[in-house]
Amino acid sequence: MSAARGRRRSGPGLPLPLVLLPLLVLAGGCAGMASQPEAPAPQELPPIGYGTLRQNDVSVDLVSGDLQLKVTPLDESVIRVTAPDTYRRLEALADQYRPEALRRSGADAVSLFLVSAYSESPGVPFVPEDLQLISKGARMRPAAIVPVSAGWQQRRLRQRHPEMAVYAFAGGVDLESDLVVTYGLVESSDWNAILPQVRAERARARARAAGGGLRRSGYTSSSYPAILR
């Protein structure tokens, strides 16, 4: 009897397995968390001069009535896979307009996009601020819009005369995931099909560089209208 009473007093009132169960569950959960794979790192960018894609290949198109819009990311991760002449042109635009975009937005860093507006009809109106992005489910409005062409601020297109501006989005746009471009009630998720092509071209460009392929190849996109390159 005294031995039995001693055993009851020495325990906390629960059988030993039940006392250890929460600790075992917690340890198992931590082990499971530790074993989860990390998010994949961004692909290594190829050297400059080995891409072959046109601007049109890395751009999202939208059509709203008579208005045609083309949206091209100016991020290095995208333009690095374009043909040499296209890369030089897009890189120059990014370098030229980034300081003003930063000044107007007041942000420390921005994601830049070249937006072209075009119409086959005269006098087609457009509202620049209505072009927005949806990245990772969050709607993003332009923090700054810097006109490239003089007629951009007229908000009305001349027939067959493209107008262009550089858009700056603050907060970081994830170009390695789904992205939706919207204008008013029109939206396009074409980027979801473009991204695999960009990734594939990165791999091909790295292979060309490693294999001693010609740098600054003779490929040119100058035969295409500026809005389609």
Foldseek 3Di string as FASTA:
>chain_A
DVVVVVVCVVDPNDPPVVVCVVVVVVVVVVVVVVPDDDDDDDDDFFDAFLADAAQLLQWDWDDDPQKIKIKGWLDCLQLSRHHNVRSVVSVVVCVVCVVVLCVQLVAPDWTKIKMKIAGQDFFAFADVQQKWKQAPNRIWTFSDKAWPDPCVVVRTDGHGDMTIIMTITPDDHDLQDFMWIDGVPIIDRCSVVSNVVSVVSRVVSNVCVVVVHDGNDPRDPVVDPPVND
